[in-house]
Amino acid sequence: MRVLAAMSGGVDSAVAAARAVDAGHDVVGVHLALSAKPGTLRTGSRGCCTIEDSHDARRAADILGIPFYIWDFAERFTEEVVETFVDEYAAGRTPNPCVTCNEKIKFEALLEKAMALGFDAVATGHYARLSVVDGVPELRRSADSGKDQSYVLASLTSEQLSHAMFPLGDSWKTEVRAEAEQRGLSVANKPDSHDICFIPDGDTKKFLENRLGQRPGELVDAETGAVLGQHTGVHGFTVGQRKGLGIEAPAPDGRPRYVLSLEPVSGSVKVGSVASLGINVIDADRAIWPSGHPLTEPTECVVQVRAHGGIVNAVAEVDSDTMTVRLREPLRGVAPGQVVVLYRPDSDGGDIVLGSAKISGTR
């Protein structure tokens, strides 16, 4: 096949491209320029898509002996990912920009361009397994559960997955680094990027305040209605947050308070005890079915609400593109705007993605 390898400049995408070459595909490497003014240097695991990253990607492509290009997706990334991120926080929701980036950039914008240029598939360094069952793609957790990225890929459609390749799905991270070392790739020991790529200093609150300004409101005790303090904007908080609330007086029982809900219209941030964080029901909409098969009846499944964690057994029911998920045990810190992903347990531990939806509320 003609394969376009998305090369971020990290070890995972470099090894993924190498494996695509080894498999006999006609591979071309591409690095996505996602910032109009990229930084010149990374600092450890902070930030990505820098000029340094593009150079690392090019050096890897040279070693693999494949053509390499840089495609400017900065404008679309700003519109689809950064502005959506800001708008979601302004509306009192907590988005996951990696989910949005995979959906809108890597497997919509990039894949569309790749297909228009005659490529058969896009290969990435994601840790997830992909197989075809009866002609239908099946997305599953990776062998390395600690690195599994099926959660951030669960918003992809069946059509998008049919043109995707994840060569690292059956590997562990330690194996990938060792392979990169053996191949002579300079990125073998390069740190992984953990922070939001467009907020390299990790200060999300400052980033949002620079974009949205100050929108003063009150910190309110959810149980008594008492005003406990003031804040500069609901965008500085997320459900489940404990630190940095700006409340001077402790709770009557001396225990920490947590953010329970955000009301962007009134500007109210309601806080309460950790016990009040637990929820049993998730309401969600914009359901997506990677296999192309929506649920038609109440289904026992495993659900995940964060990229790494928030996993419990549940029963999911679907009506059109809306979803109700009843949890078998309570979860804490579940926020509107997050994505809930449904899995069907598999005997070898590679749980199969059934579908995903955007969380609209909790009960």
Foldseek 3Di string as FASTA:
>chain_A
DEEEQEQFLALLSLLQQLVCVVVPHQYEYEYEQQAPDAAQDADAQFATSHPNSLVLRVVSCVLSVHHYYYDYPNVVCCVQQVVVCLVQLLQFFHADSLLSCVARPVQNVVVVVCVVVPGQAYEYSAQWDWDADPNWIWIWFACANVRTQSQSVQQHARVSSSRYHHPCRDDDLVVSLVVCVVSVRPNSPGHHHDADNVCRVNQQLVVSCVVPPFDKAFEAAPPPRDTQGMGRASSNAAFFDFPPPPGDDADPVRDTKTFQGAHSVRRYTYIYDQVSQWFFKWKFFPKHFRRPDADDAWDWWWKAFDSRDPIFIWIWDDDDGIIMTGGPGIDGRRTFNTKMWTWHADPVRTTITGIMGGTHDTD
